[in-house]
Amino acid sequence: MAGKIHSDQRCPVCGGRFKHDENRRGLICTGQGSHPETRATGRFRVYFKSTTSRFGNDFMAAERFLNYLRAKEDNNEYDPRDYRADVPLGFSTLADRWLSFKKRDIKSSRRKKALSDSHLRNLSNYMTRAKAHWNHKNIKHITEGDIDDFLFSISEISEKTRANHKSCLQDFWKWVCRREKDLRMPIFPEVEFELEYRKITTWETQSAIIDKVYEQTYHLNPKIWLGIDMLATYTNIRPKDLLQIKEEHIDMENGIIVFLYPTKTRNKTKSIRLLDEHIEEIRILKKRYPALPHMYFFRHVGGIQSVTRDEPFGEKYFYKWWIRACDALGIEGIDLYGGTRHTTTTEIAMQMGKEKAIQGLGNTSNKSIERYCQVQDNDTFEIVQLSTELKKKRSKKGKAKVVKLNRK
């Protein structure tokens, strides 16, 4: 039969080696003269194909383990990796390998490095919690019930964060199942959540905040104010979209910015047509801060503590200055996203109707046009122009106001 139990002890009588005798259930002396009454008493080690395990002085445990491996082999279930000291199929081992894979996968893409770091940081946080729970438990032995228990045992997190944990684990298990053909993809539990309502404000308050940002930052770096003003103007872009803009992406001749890898989309491009005032501002800034085509447009220019010249803005840089302006005005509870994109979209809907607001967001049912056309349609640009005119009319010393509507 395959496998044996070995000991490096020697017979105290003749110095001979001990040999595993399964009938006598022990390691018997096979040296000169033979001393069958003399048996090994310890330092037992099981050898089975490529698996080796130590058992100290416990022969019965070594024997049980050898029989277990033989049964696994008979059932075509023997996998030497299950018994290796470095636990290659342990959850923590695979989790670390998966994170390394994700890091290479994300870094090899042409998306902005800072955004990749943010995504990796979230994945790492989710997996750190899972690793603490399962440690080096064999991935084959983690059941659907174990996954359910883990996900719903995490306390002090929102259901949205719980759903993010689930999504991360699903992605991880898909990767493992692709590598391990015999492993079945588990069924994950439903995690229901409802996004909290995002607070919005009015155009008057939005303009007051943006004016305060201008006052606080224009002398330090005009691009801080410009980025926030653009977020409040062009509702089909997000803060992370701005951070991806490179000098070469801005078509000054036609007044267009093309986003090759917009956030929340895949295999699509996005573009905006700039208002004349923004074209002129960008032209001034390009002359004031000349740069090579591959450099990010929204970057530090020096003069601010703890920042490095020509480094791109961090993912929360606009948010930080938006909150500073809100604090200076005594406005609470309005984040960057709610105060810019959501507020403008809501105001457009109230002034021009919901359909116009949807057009302003850049949505279209024709996916082929959305994917291949890199120029924004005229309807969307007209909505930007109209909303800007309405905003200017209403932003004449209006009192700051915070409104909480059912907008997510």
Protein backbone atom coordinates (compact mmCIF):
# COMPACT_ATOMS: atom_id res chain seq x y z
CA MET A 1 0.00 0.00 0.00
CA ALA A 2 1.11 3.53 -0.67
CA GLY A 3 2.80 5.42 2.12
CA LYS A 4 4.67 4.48 5.25
CA ILE A 5 5.61 5.63 8.73
CA HIS A 6 9.27 6.26 9.41
CA SER A 7 11.43 7.03 12.43
CA ASP A 8 15.09 7.98 12.47
CA GLN A 9 15.54 6.25 15.82
CA ARG A 10 17.86 3.23 15.92
CA CYS A 11 17.49 -0.09 17.72
CA PRO A 12 19.23 0.25 21.11
CA VAL A 13 20.33 -3.41 20.89
CA CYS A 14 21.91 -3.69 17.43
CA GLY A 15 21.75 -0.16 16.06
CA GLY A 16 19.55 -1.32 13.18
CA ARG A 17 16.75 0.69 11.56
CA PHE A 18 13.09 0.33 12.36
CA LYS A 19 10.64 -0.67 9.64
CA HIS A 20 6.92 -0.02 9.56
CA ASP A 21 5.02 -3.28 10.06
CA GLU A 22 1.32 -2.67 9.51
CA ASN A 23 0.32 -6.11 10.81
CA ARG A 24 2.05 -5.50 14.12
CA ARG A 25 1.06 -1.82 14.03
CA GLY A 26 4.44 -0.45 14.87
CA LEU A 27 8.01 0.17 13.72
CA ILE A 28 9.97 -3.06 14.25
CA CYS A 29 13.75 -3.58 14.35
CA THR A 30 15.12 -5.07 11.10
CA GLY A 31 18.78 -4.99 12.05
CA GLN A 32 21.27 -7.85 12.36
CA GLY A 33 19.84 -10.67 14.44
CA SER A 34 16.39 -9.06 14.34
CA HIS A 35 14.75 -7.85 17.56
CA PRO A 36 10.98 -7.77 16.83
CA GLU A 37 10.26 -6.99 20.45
CA THR A 38 12.17 -3.72 20.07
CA ARG A 39 10.08 -0.90 18.62
CA ALA A 40 10.55 2.78 17.80
CA THR A 41 9.10 5.02 20.48
CA GLY A 42 9.04 8.42 18.80
CA ARG A 43 10.13 10.86 16.12
CA PHE A 44 7.49 9.41 13.83
CA ARG A 45 7.06 10.81 10.33
CA VAL A 46 4.48 9.90 7.68
CA TYR A 47 5.56 9.71 4.05
CA PHE A 48 2.80 9.54 1.45
CA LYS A 49 3.72 10.48 -2.11
CA SER A 50 4.84 14.13 -1.85
CA THR A 51 3.32 14.63 1.60
CA THR A 52 5.44 14.47 4.73
CA SER A 53 4.16 15.10 8.27
CA ARG A 54 5.77 14.80 11.70
CA PHE A 55 3.93 13.30 14.68
CA GLY A 56 6.47 13.23 17.52
CA ASN A 57 5.83 10.31 19.86
CA ASP A 58 2.22 9.68 18.75
CA PHE A 59 2.30 6.58 16.55
CA MET A 60 -1.51 6.17 16.64
CA ALA A 61 -1.98 9.67 15.23
CA ALA A 62 0.57 8.98 12.48
CA GLU A 63 -1.22 5.76 11.60
CA ARG A 64 -4.62 7.46 11.45
CA PHE A 65 -3.22 10.18 9.22
CA LEU A 66 -1.66 7.66 6.84
CA ASN A 67 -4.94 5.76 6.54
CA TYR A 68 -6.75 9.07 5.97
CA LEU A 69 -4.43 9.93 3.06
CA ARG A 70 -4.92 6.48 1.55
CA ALA A 71 -8.70 6.90 1.71
CA LYS A 72 -8.39 10.29 0.03
CA GLU A 73 -6.31 8.71 -2.72
CA ASP A 74 -8.84 5.91 -3.22
CA ASN A 75 -11.61 8.52 -3.64
CA ASN A 76 -9.51 10.66 -6.03
CA GLU A 77 -9.56 13.46 -3.47
CA TYR A 78 -5.88 13.49 -2.52
CA ASP A 79 -4.24 16.88 -3.07
CA PRO A 80 -0.71 17.25 -1.66
CA ARG A 81 -1.20 21.01 -1.33
CA ASP A 82 -3.73 20.40 1.43
CA TYR A 83 -0.93 19.18 3.70
CA ARG A 84 1.96 21.49 2.90
CA ALA A 85 3.42 23.63 5.66
CA ASP A 86 3.03 26.83 3.60
CA VAL A 87 -0.73 26.12 3.20
CA PRO A 88 -1.00 27.15 -0.47
CA LEU A 89 -4.77 26.61 -0.35
CA GLY A 90 -5.19 28.48 2.92
CA PHE A 91 -7.53 31.46 2.74
CA SER A 92 -4.90 33.99 3.84
CA THR A 93 -2.37 32.64 1.35
CA LEU A 94 -4.81 32.84 -1.54
CA ALA A 95 -6.10 36.24 -0.42
CA ASP A 96 -2.59 37.70 -0.51
CA ARG A 97 -1.99 36.16 -3.92
CA TRP A 98 -5.30 37.53 -5.23
CA LEU A 99 -4.50 41.03 -3.98
CA SER A 100 -1.15 40.86 -5.76
CA PHE A 101 -2.97 39.77 -8.91
CA LYS A 102 -5.43 42.67 -8.60
CA LYS A 103 -2.57 45.08 -8.07
CA ARG A 104 -0.84 43.95 -11.25
CA ASP A 105 -4.13 43.96 -13.14
CA ILE A 106 -5.03 47.49 -12.07
CA LYS A 107 -1.56 48.95 -12.43
CA SER A 108 -1.28 47.56 -15.96
CA SER A 109 -4.37 49.51 -16.98
CA ARG A 110 -4.09 53.07 -18.13
CA ARG A 111 -6.28 54.51 -15.41
CA LYS A 112 -4.97 57.04 -12.96
CA LYS A 113 -2.60 55.60 -10.35
CA ALA A 114 -4.27 57.37 -7.42
CA LEU A 115 -7.63 55.88 -8.32
CA SER A 116 -6.10 52.42 -8.55
CA ASP A 117 -4.55 52.87 -5.12
CA SER A 118 -7.93 53.81 -3.70
CA HIS A 119 -9.58 50.71 -5.13
CA LEU A 120 -6.77 48.47 -3.92
CA ARG A 121 -6.93 50.00 -0.47
CA ASN A 122 -10.62 49.14 -0.19
CA LEU A 123 -10.06 45.58 -1.38
CA SER A 124 -7.18 45.17 1.06
CA ASN A 125 -9.33 46.38 3.95
CA TYR A 126 -12.12 43.94 3.11
CA MET A 127 -9.73 41.01 2.77
CA THR A 128 -7.85 41.89 5.96
CA ARG A 129 -11.09 41.45 7.88
CA ALA A 130 -11.80 38.13 6.14
CA LYS A 131 -8.23 36.90 6.75
CA ALA A 132 -8.57 37.62 10.45
CA HIS A 133 -11.74 35.51 10.47
CA TRP A 134 -10.58 32.48 8.44
CA ASN A 135 -6.81 32.74 8.81
CA HIS A 136 -5.24 29.73 6.99
CA LYS A 137 -8.37 27.62 6.77
CA ASN A 138 -8.35 25.55 3.57
CA ILE A 139 -10.46 27.25 0.93
CA LYS A 140 -12.13 23.90 0.17
CA HIS A 141 -13.46 23.71 3.71
CA ILE A 142 -15.10 27.14 3.77
CA THR A 143 -18.80 26.53 3.24
CA GLU A 144 -21.61 28.80 2.12
CA GLY A 145 -22.77 28.84 5.73
CA ASP A 146 -19.33 30.05 6.81
CA ILE A 147 -19.55 32.89 4.30
CA ASP A 148 -23.03 33.86 5.52
CA ASP A 149 -21.89 33.82 9.14
CA PHE A 150 -18.86 35.97 8.37
CA LEU A 151 -20.68 38.61 6.36
CA PHE A 152 -23.44 39.08 8.90
CA SER A 153 -21.10 38.94 11.91
CA ILE A 154 -19.40 42.21 10.94
CA SER A 155 -20.74 44.86 13.25
CA GLU A 156 -20.81 48.66 13.07
CA ILE A 157 -20.88 48.86 9.28
CA SER A 158 -23.62 49.96 6.91
CA GLU A 159 -25.42 47.48 4.68
CA LYS A 160 -23.77 49.16 1.68
CA THR A 161 -20.35 48.36 3.17
CA ARG A 162 -21.51 44.81 3.89
CA ALA A 163 -22.52 44.51 0.23
CA ASN A 164 -19.06 45.76 -0.74
CA HIS A 165 -17.49 42.99 1.39
CA LYS A 166 -19.70 40.47 -0.37
CA SER A 167 -18.76 41.80 -3.81
CA CYS A 168 -15.07 41.60 -2.94
CA LEU A 169 -15.38 37.99 -1.74
CA GLN A 170 -17.35 37.04 -4.84
CA ASP A 171 -14.61 38.43 -7.04
CA PHE A 172 -12.02 36.56 -4.98
CA TRP A 173 -13.89 33.23 -5.20
CA LYS A 174 -14.33 33.60 -8.97
CA TRP A 175 -10.58 33.99 -9.28
CA VAL A 176 -9.97 30.92 -7.08
CA CYS A 177 -12.51 28.79 -8.98
CA ARG A 178 -10.89 29.73 -12.27
CA ARG A 179 -7.58 28.40 -10.94
CA GLU A 180 -9.01 25.41 -9.07
CA LYS A 181 -11.27 23.63 -11.54
CA ASP A 182 -12.64 21.21 -8.92
CA LEU A 183 -13.81 24.00 -6.61
CA ARG A 184 -17.46 24.99 -6.88
CA MET A 185 -18.43 28.64 -6.83
CA PRO A 186 -20.44 29.18 -3.62
CA ILE A 187 -23.82 30.91 -3.57
CA PHE A 188 -23.56 34.18 -1.68
CA PRO A 189 -26.35 35.58 0.49
CA GLU A 190 -28.46 38.52 -0.53
CA VAL A 191 -27.39 41.77 1.13
CA GLU A 192 -30.11 44.35 0.74
CA PHE A 193 -29.35 48.00 1.28
CA GLU A 194 -30.78 51.36 0.42
CA LEU A 195 -28.54 54.33 -0.21
CA GLU A 196 -29.00 57.20 2.17
CA TYR A 197 -30.49 60.35 0.77
CA ARG A 198 -27.83 62.81 -0.23
CA LYS A 199 -28.34 66.39 0.93
CA ILE A 200 -28.53 68.98 -1.79
CA THR A 201 -28.75 72.74 -1.71
CA THR A 202 -29.78 75.57 -4.05
CA TRP A 203 -27.93 77.36 -6.81
CA GLU A 204 -27.61 80.41 -4.56
CA THR A 205 -25.85 78.43 -1.86
CA GLN A 206 -23.81 76.50 -4.40
CA SER A 207 -22.57 79.76 -5.91
CA ALA A 208 -21.73 81.14 -2.46
CA ILE A 209 -19.64 78.07 -1.67
CA ILE A 210 -17.83 78.17 -5.01
CA ASP A 211 -17.14 81.88 -4.54
CA LYS A 212 -15.64 81.10 -1.14
CA VAL A 213 -13.46 78.38 -2.73
CA TYR A 214 -12.29 81.01 -5.23
CA GLU A 215 -11.46 83.41 -2.41
CA GLN A 216 -9.55 80.75 -0.44
CA THR A 217 -7.64 79.05 -3.25
CA TYR A 218 -7.29 81.12 -6.42
CA HIS A 219 -4.06 82.77 -5.23
CA LEU A 220 -2.68 79.35 -4.22
CA ASN A 221 -3.76 77.25 -7.19
CA PRO A 222 -6.58 78.43 -9.49
CA LYS A 223 -7.23 74.86 -10.63
CA ILE A 224 -8.84 74.01 -7.28
CA TRP A 225 -11.62 76.51 -7.90
CA LEU A 226 -11.84 75.64 -11.59
CA GLY A 227 -12.31 71.92 -10.89
CA ILE A 228 -15.11 72.49 -8.39
CA ASP A 229 -16.81 75.00 -10.70
CA MET A 230 -16.68 72.45 -13.52
CA LEU A 231 -18.25 69.78 -11.30
CA ALA A 232 -21.13 72.15 -10.60
CA THR A 233 -21.52 72.99 -14.29
CA TYR A 234 -21.11 69.73 -16.22
CA THR A 235 -23.31 67.19 -14.49
CA ASN A 236 -22.18 64.24 -16.59
CA ILE A 237 -18.70 64.20 -15.00
CA ARG A 238 -17.57 63.03 -11.59
CA PRO A 239 -14.70 64.22 -9.35
CA LYS A 240 -12.53 61.25 -10.32
CA ASP A 241 -13.09 62.04 -13.99
CA LEU A 242 -11.44 65.40 -13.52
CA LEU A 243 -8.41 63.84 -11.87
CA GLN A 244 -7.76 61.77 -15.01
CA ILE A 245 -7.57 64.75 -17.36
CA LYS A 246 -4.16 65.18 -18.93
CA GLU A 247 -2.98 68.25 -20.80
CA GLU A 248 -3.33 66.39 -24.09
CA HIS A 249 -6.98 65.52 -23.42
CA ILE A 250 -8.05 69.18 -23.67
CA ASP A 251 -8.90 70.26 -27.21
CA MET A 252 -8.59 74.03 -26.94
CA GLU A 253 -9.43 74.62 -30.59
CA ASN A 254 -12.83 72.99 -30.34
CA GLY A 255 -13.41 73.54 -26.61
CA ILE A 256 -13.77 69.84 -25.80
CA ILE A 257 -12.37 67.57 -23.08
CA VAL A 258 -12.39 63.83 -23.79
CA PHE A 259 -12.37 61.31 -20.92
CA LEU A 260 -10.91 58.07 -22.25
CA TYR A 261 -11.56 56.07 -19.07
CA PRO A 262 -14.50 57.69 -17.24
CA THR A 263 -15.41 56.34 -13.82
CA LYS A 264 -18.41 54.02 -13.38
CA THR A 265 -18.12 52.91 -17.01
CA ARG A 266 -16.23 50.29 -18.97
CA ASN A 267 -15.18 50.35 -22.63
CA LYS A 268 -16.69 53.79 -23.08
CA THR A 269 -15.51 57.33 -23.50
CA LYS A 270 -17.08 60.55 -22.29
CA SER A 271 -16.68 64.17 -23.33
CA ILE A 272 -17.80 67.66 -22.39
CA ARG A 273 -18.03 70.82 -24.42
CA LEU A 274 -16.64 73.70 -22.44
CA LEU A 275 -18.32 77.04 -21.87
CA ASP A 276 -16.46 80.04 -23.24
CA GLU A 277 -15.56 81.21 -19.74
CA HIS A 278 -13.95 77.88 -18.94
CA ILE A 279 -12.09 77.78 -22.26
CA GLU A 280 -10.62 81.18 -21.50
CA GLU A 281 -9.69 80.21 -17.93
CA ILE A 282 -7.98 77.01 -19.08
CA ARG A 283 -6.10 78.94 -21.78
CA ILE A 284 -4.79 81.33 -19.12
CA LEU A 285 -3.77 78.49 -16.82
CA LYS A 286 -2.00 76.60 -19.60
CA LYS A 287 0.13 79.67 -20.25
CA ARG A 288 0.76 80.28 -16.55
CA TYR A 289 1.62 76.65 -15.80
CA PRO A 290 3.13 75.13 -18.97
CA ALA A 291 3.43 71.35 -18.99
CA LEU A 292 4.17 68.36 -21.18
CA PRO A 293 1.16 66.67 -22.86
CA HIS A 294 1.30 63.57 -20.64
CA MET A 295 1.07 65.55 -17.37
CA TYR A 296 -2.18 65.72 -15.43
CA PHE A 297 -3.97 69.04 -15.77
CA PHE A 298 -5.24 69.13 -12.17
CA ARG A 299 -1.91 69.08 -10.37
CA HIS A 300 -0.14 70.97 -7.62
CA VAL A 301 1.82 74.07 -8.55
CA GLY A 302 3.74 74.50 -5.30
CA GLY A 303 3.28 77.11 -2.62
CA ILE A 304 1.09 74.90 -0.39
CA GLN A 305 2.53 73.04 2.56
CA SER A 306 2.77 69.23 2.31
CA VAL A 307 2.25 69.07 -1.47
CA THR A 308 4.78 68.37 -4.21
CA ARG A 309 4.91 70.49 -7.32
CA ASP A 310 3.49 68.78 -10.45
CA GLU A 311 2.03 65.89 -8.46
CA PRO A 312 -1.63 65.19 -9.42
CA PHE A 313 -4.37 66.13 -6.99
CA GLY A 314 -5.39 63.40 -4.57
CA GLU A 315 -8.83 61.86 -4.88
CA LYS A 316 -10.22 63.89 -1.95
CA TYR A 317 -8.47 67.17 -2.72
CA PHE A 318 -11.52 68.92 -4.21
CA TYR A 319 -13.64 67.58 -1.36
CA LYS A 320 -11.26 68.97 1.25
CA TRP A 321 -11.41 72.51 -0.14
CA TRP A 322 -15.19 72.29 -0.63
CA ILE A 323 -15.65 71.43 3.07
CA ARG A 324 -13.29 74.25 4.10
CA ALA A 325 -15.43 76.70 2.17
CA CYS A 326 -18.61 75.28 3.72
CA ASP A 327 -17.11 75.60 7.22
CA ALA A 328 -16.15 79.21 6.54
CA LEU A 329 -19.76 79.94 5.55
CA GLY A 330 -21.26 77.98 8.43
CA ILE A 331 -22.89 75.46 6.08
CA GLU A 332 -23.13 71.89 7.34
CA GLY A 333 -24.03 68.55 5.78
CA ILE A 334 -23.39 69.35 2.12
CA ASP A 335 -20.70 67.19 0.57
CA LEU A 336 -18.98 67.89 -2.73
CA TYR A 337 -21.09 65.50 -4.76
CA GLY A 338 -24.40 66.65 -3.31
CA GLY A 339 -23.49 70.32 -3.54
CA THR A 340 -22.35 70.20 -7.15
CA ARG A 341 -23.67 67.47 -9.42
CA HIS A 342 -26.82 66.59 -7.48
CA THR A 343 -27.76 70.17 -6.75
CA THR A 344 -27.34 71.27 -10.35
CA THR A 345 -29.27 68.26 -11.67
CA THR A 346 -32.13 68.92 -9.26
CA GLU A 347 -32.27 72.62 -10.14
CA ILE A 348 -32.32 71.78 -13.86
CA ALA A 349 -35.16 69.33 -13.26
CA MET A 350 -37.16 71.95 -11.38
CA GLN A 351 -36.50 74.68 -13.94
CA MET A 352 -36.56 72.75 -17.22
CA GLY A 353 -38.05 69.34 -16.43
CA LYS A 354 -36.73 65.89 -15.57
CA GLU A 355 -35.96 64.93 -19.19
CA LYS A 356 -33.63 67.88 -19.56
CA ALA A 357 -31.88 66.96 -16.33
CA ILE A 358 -31.33 63.41 -17.61
CA GLN A 359 -29.92 64.80 -20.85
CA GLY A 360 -27.60 67.01 -18.84
CA LEU A 361 -26.25 63.90 -17.14
CA GLY A 362 -25.22 62.63 -20.54
CA ASN A 363 -27.44 59.52 -20.51
CA THR A 364 -28.59 58.00 -23.78
CA SER A 365 -30.35 54.79 -24.80
CA ASN A 366 -28.19 54.39 -27.89
CA LYS A 367 -25.18 52.58 -26.46
CA SER A 368 -23.30 52.35 -29.74
CA ILE A 369 -23.34 56.13 -30.16
CA GLU A 370 -22.33 56.62 -26.54
CA ARG A 371 -19.40 54.24 -26.96
CA TYR A 372 -17.95 55.40 -30.25
CA CYS A 373 -18.82 59.09 -30.43
CA GLN A 374 -16.28 61.17 -28.52
CA VAL A 375 -18.10 64.48 -29.02
CA GLN A 376 -20.89 65.53 -26.70
CA ASP A 377 -24.22 66.16 -28.40
CA ASN A 378 -25.52 69.70 -28.84
CA ASP A 379 -28.61 69.13 -26.67
CA THR A 380 -26.45 68.44 -23.61
CA PHE A 381 -24.31 71.50 -24.27
CA GLU A 382 -27.39 73.69 -24.68
CA ILE A 383 -28.63 72.47 -21.30
CA VAL A 384 -25.29 73.44 -19.75
CA GLN A 385 -25.60 76.91 -21.30
CA LEU A 386 -29.20 77.35 -20.16
CA SER A 387 -28.55 76.12 -16.64
CA THR A 388 -25.55 78.44 -16.33
CA GLU A 389 -27.67 81.43 -17.37
CA LEU A 390 -30.43 80.51 -14.91
CA LYS A 391 -27.87 80.03 -12.16
CA LYS A 392 -26.36 83.46 -12.73
CA LYS A 393 -29.77 85.10 -12.58
CA ARG A 394 -30.63 83.45 -9.27
CA SER A 395 -27.23 83.80 -7.62
CA LYS A 396 -27.47 87.44 -6.70
CA LYS A 397 -26.86 87.44 -2.97
CA GLY A 398 -29.36 84.70 -2.32
CA LYS A 399 -29.51 83.36 1.24
CA ALA A 400 -27.71 80.06 1.75
CA LYS A 401 -30.17 77.23 2.01
CA VAL A 402 -29.85 73.49 2.53
CA VAL A 403 -32.55 71.23 1.12
CA LYS A 404 -32.92 67.49 1.73
CA LEU A 405 -34.74 65.87 -1.16
CA ASN A 406 -35.19 62.27 -2.21
CA ARG A 407 -32.11 62.27 -4.41
CA LYS A 408 -29.55 59.49 -4.12
